[in-house]
Amino acid sequence: MRELWENRDRGVLIMANEKKSTMEPQTPSWQPGMQLFLRLSGWIGFPVLIAVVVGNYLDTLYHTDPWLFLLSVGIAFVVSTFALIHYGLKEMKRIESEYPDKRN
């Protein structure tokens, strides 16, 4: 005989059998989406922030006011774009393999 209890306060699923009981943690439904959002947002924000700092430093070092700054920010946008495409395609392939019957 098998029984199933849900403990919503802790977010765990408890499955009890006559001989043993196991606890399996359940991930909230919003967590994968939030992880993807943060990962992709990081690929937009961090390269641009690094490019701003490096570009300002290089402009003050070589007295090439705004050109190295603009060049570094442009390179950061290109890197961000390719990273977003790469991780977006990777995530779409993962979702398609996870849900093959829900295509289209």
C-alpha atoms as a PDB file:
ATOM      1  CA  MET A   1       0.000   0.000   0.000  1.00  0.00           C
ATOM      2  CA  ARG A   2       1.406   3.372  -1.003  1.00  0.00           C
ATOM      3  CA  GLU A   3       0.364   6.782   0.276  1.00  0.00           C
ATOM      4  CA  LEU A   4       1.256  10.259  -0.932  1.00  0.00           C
ATOM      5  CA  TRP A   5       1.432  13.429   1.155  1.00  0.00           C
ATOM      6  CA  GLU A   6       2.266  16.943   0.093  1.00  0.00           C
ATOM      7  CA  ASN A   7       3.785  19.363   2.533  1.00  0.00           C
ATOM      8  CA  ARG A   8       3.276  22.739   0.857  1.00  0.00           C
ATOM      9  CA  ASP A   9       5.038  24.728   3.583  1.00  0.00           C
ATOM     10  CA  ARG A  10       8.364  23.060   2.867  1.00  0.00           C
ATOM     11  CA  GLY A  11       7.799  22.384  -0.840  1.00  0.00           C
ATOM     12  CA  VAL A  12       8.600  18.679  -0.573  1.00  0.00           C
ATOM     13  CA  LEU A  13       6.815  15.578  -1.652  1.00  0.00           C
ATOM     14  CA  ILE A  14       6.712  12.766   0.873  1.00  0.00           C
ATOM     15  CA  MET A  15       6.092   9.270  -0.439  1.00  0.00           C
ATOM     16  CA  ALA A  16       5.578   6.669   2.228  1.00  0.00           C
ATOM     17  CA  ASN A  17       5.618   2.946   1.778  1.00  0.00           C
ATOM     18  CA  GLU A  18       5.061   0.349   4.460  1.00  0.00           C
ATOM     19  CA  LYS A  19       8.796  -0.315   4.688  1.00  0.00           C
ATOM     20  CA  LYS A  20      10.417   3.086   4.074  1.00  0.00           C
ATOM     21  CA  SER A  21       9.691   6.734   3.436  1.00  0.00           C
ATOM     22  CA  THR A  22      11.610   9.030   1.116  1.00  0.00           C
ATOM     23  CA  MET A  23      11.528  12.765   0.676  1.00  0.00           C
ATOM     24  CA  GLU A  24      12.014  14.215  -2.803  1.00  0.00           C
ATOM     25  CA  PRO A  25      12.397  17.981  -3.088  1.00  0.00           C
ATOM     26  CA  GLN A  26      10.330  19.650  -5.779  1.00  0.00           C
ATOM     27  CA  THR A  27      11.538  22.686  -7.659  1.00  0.00           C
ATOM     28  CA  PRO A  28       9.049  25.540  -7.929  1.00  0.00           C
ATOM     29  CA  SER A  29       7.540  26.013 -11.377  1.00  0.00           C
ATOM     30  CA  TRP A  30       8.989  29.519 -11.731  1.00  0.00           C
ATOM     31  CA  GLN A  31      12.597  28.542 -10.968  1.00  0.00           C
ATOM     32  CA  PRO A  32      13.782  27.357 -14.438  1.00  0.00           C
ATOM     33  CA  GLY A  33      12.364  30.468 -16.095  1.00  0.00           C
ATOM     34  CA  MET A  34      14.000  32.753 -13.552  1.00  0.00           C
ATOM     35  CA  GLN A  35      17.339  30.979 -13.978  1.00  0.00           C
ATOM     36  CA  LEU A  36      17.177  31.427 -17.744  1.00  0.00           C
ATOM     37  CA  PHE A  37      16.215  35.094 -17.357  1.00  0.00           C
ATOM     38  CA  LEU A  38      19.113  35.781 -14.983  1.00  0.00           C
ATOM     39  CA  ARG A  39      21.603  33.902 -17.160  1.00  0.00           C
ATOM     40  CA  LEU A  40      20.616  35.798 -20.304  1.00  0.00           C
ATOM     41  CA  SER A  41      20.435  39.138 -18.477  1.00  0.00           C
ATOM     42  CA  GLY A  42      23.917  38.525 -17.145  1.00  0.00           C
ATOM     43  CA  TRP A  43      25.177  38.039 -20.693  1.00  0.00           C
ATOM     44  CA  ILE A  44      23.770  41.454 -21.556  1.00  0.00           C
ATOM     45  CA  GLY A  45      24.859  43.362 -18.460  1.00  0.00           C
ATOM     46  CA  PHE A  46      28.286  42.074 -17.464  1.00  0.00           C
ATOM     47  CA  PRO A  47      30.096  42.415 -20.815  1.00  0.00           C
ATOM     48  CA  VAL A  48      28.733  45.942 -21.233  1.00  0.00           C
ATOM     49  CA  LEU A  49      29.759  46.959 -17.705  1.00  0.00           C
ATOM     50  CA  ILE A  50      33.236  45.538 -18.208  1.00  0.00           C
ATOM     51  CA  ALA A  51      33.476  47.303 -21.579  1.00  0.00           C
ATOM     52  CA  VAL A  52      32.490  50.641 -20.028  1.00  0.00           C
ATOM     53  CA  VAL A  53      35.201  50.374 -17.380  1.00  0.00           C
ATOM     54  CA  VAL A  54      37.874  49.125 -19.795  1.00  0.00           C
ATOM     55  CA  GLY A  55      36.894  51.670 -22.463  1.00  0.00           C
ATOM     56  CA  ASN A  56      37.097  54.587 -20.032  1.00  0.00           C
ATOM     57  CA  TYR A  57      40.468  53.386 -18.775  1.00  0.00           C
ATOM     58  CA  LEU A  58      41.884  53.003 -22.287  1.00  0.00           C
ATOM     59  CA  ASP A  59      40.548  56.423 -23.333  1.00  0.00           C
ATOM     60  CA  THR A  60      42.232  58.132 -20.395  1.00  0.00           C
ATOM     61  CA  LEU A  61      45.430  56.152 -20.934  1.00  0.00           C
ATOM     62  CA  TYR A  62      45.784  56.846 -24.668  1.00  0.00           C
ATOM     63  CA  HIS A  63      43.847  60.181 -24.847  1.00  0.00           C
ATOM     64  CA  THR A  64      41.491  58.853 -27.520  1.00  0.00           C
ATOM     65  CA  ASP A  65      38.314  60.163 -25.959  1.00  0.00           C
ATOM     66  CA  PRO A  66      35.382  58.369 -26.954  1.00  0.00           C
ATOM     67  CA  TRP A  67      36.821  56.063 -29.629  1.00  0.00           C
ATOM     68  CA  LEU A  68      38.217  53.200 -27.554  1.00  0.00           C
ATOM     69  CA  PHE A  69      35.203  53.473 -25.255  1.00  0.00           C
ATOM     70  CA  LEU A  70      32.828  53.121 -28.199  1.00  0.00           C
ATOM     71  CA  LEU A  71      34.908  50.309 -29.684  1.00  0.00           C
ATOM     72  CA  SER A  72      34.915  48.330 -26.432  1.00  0.00           C
ATOM     73  CA  VAL A  73      31.157  48.791 -25.934  1.00  0.00           C
ATOM     74  CA  GLY A  74      30.551  47.707 -29.545  1.00  0.00           C
ATOM     75  CA  ILE A  75      32.645  44.576 -29.027  1.00  0.00           C
ATOM     76  CA  ALA A  76      30.720  43.874 -25.812  1.00  0.00           C
ATOM     77  CA  PHE A  77      27.408  44.088 -27.680  1.00  0.00           C
ATOM     78  CA  VAL A  78      28.666  41.664 -30.332  1.00  0.00           C
ATOM     79  CA  VAL A  79      29.852  39.227 -27.640  1.00  0.00           C
ATOM     80  CA  SER A  80      26.512  39.574 -25.829  1.00  0.00           C
ATOM     81  CA  THR A  81      24.554  38.952 -29.011  1.00  0.00           C
ATOM     82  CA  PHE A  82      26.449  35.780 -29.872  1.00  0.00           C
ATOM     83  CA  ALA A  83      26.175  34.518 -26.281  1.00  0.00           C
ATOM     84  CA  LEU A  84      22.417  35.163 -26.236  1.00  0.00           C
ATOM     85  CA  ILE A  85      21.970  33.307 -29.517  1.00  0.00           C
ATOM     86  CA  HIS A  86      24.115  30.402 -28.302  1.00  0.00           C
ATOM     87  CA  TYR A  87      22.326  29.974 -24.965  1.00  0.00           C
ATOM     88  CA  GLY A  88      18.909  30.625 -26.500  1.00  0.00           C
ATOM     89  CA  LEU A  89      19.367  27.866 -29.078  1.00  0.00           C
ATOM     90  CA  LYS A  90      20.769  25.538 -26.430  1.00  0.00           C
ATOM     91  CA  GLU A  91      17.742  26.141 -24.200  1.00  0.00           C
ATOM     92  CA  MET A  92      15.307  25.645 -27.099  1.00  0.00           C
ATOM     93  CA  LYS A  93      16.932  22.294 -27.934  1.00  0.00           C
ATOM     94  CA  ARG A  94      16.678  21.262 -24.283  1.00  0.00           C
ATOM     95  CA  ILE A  95      12.984  22.179 -24.151  1.00  0.00           C
ATOM     96  CA  GLU A  96      12.263  20.378 -27.442  1.00  0.00           C
ATOM     97  CA  SER A  97      13.951  17.215 -26.171  1.00  0.00           C
ATOM     98  CA  GLU A  98      12.106  17.468 -22.856  1.00  0.00           C
ATOM     99  CA  TYR A  99       8.680  17.949 -24.469  1.00  0.00           C
ATOM    100  CA  PRO A 100       8.783  16.259 -27.892  1.00  0.00           C
ATOM    101  CA  ASP A 101       4.987  15.951 -28.182  1.00  0.00           C
ATOM    102  CA  LYS A 102       4.345  19.695 -27.697  1.00  0.00           C
ATOM    103  CA  ARG A 103       6.109  20.883 -30.807  1.00  0.00           C
ATOM    104  CA  ASN A 104       4.417  23.833 -32.563  1.00  0.00           C
END
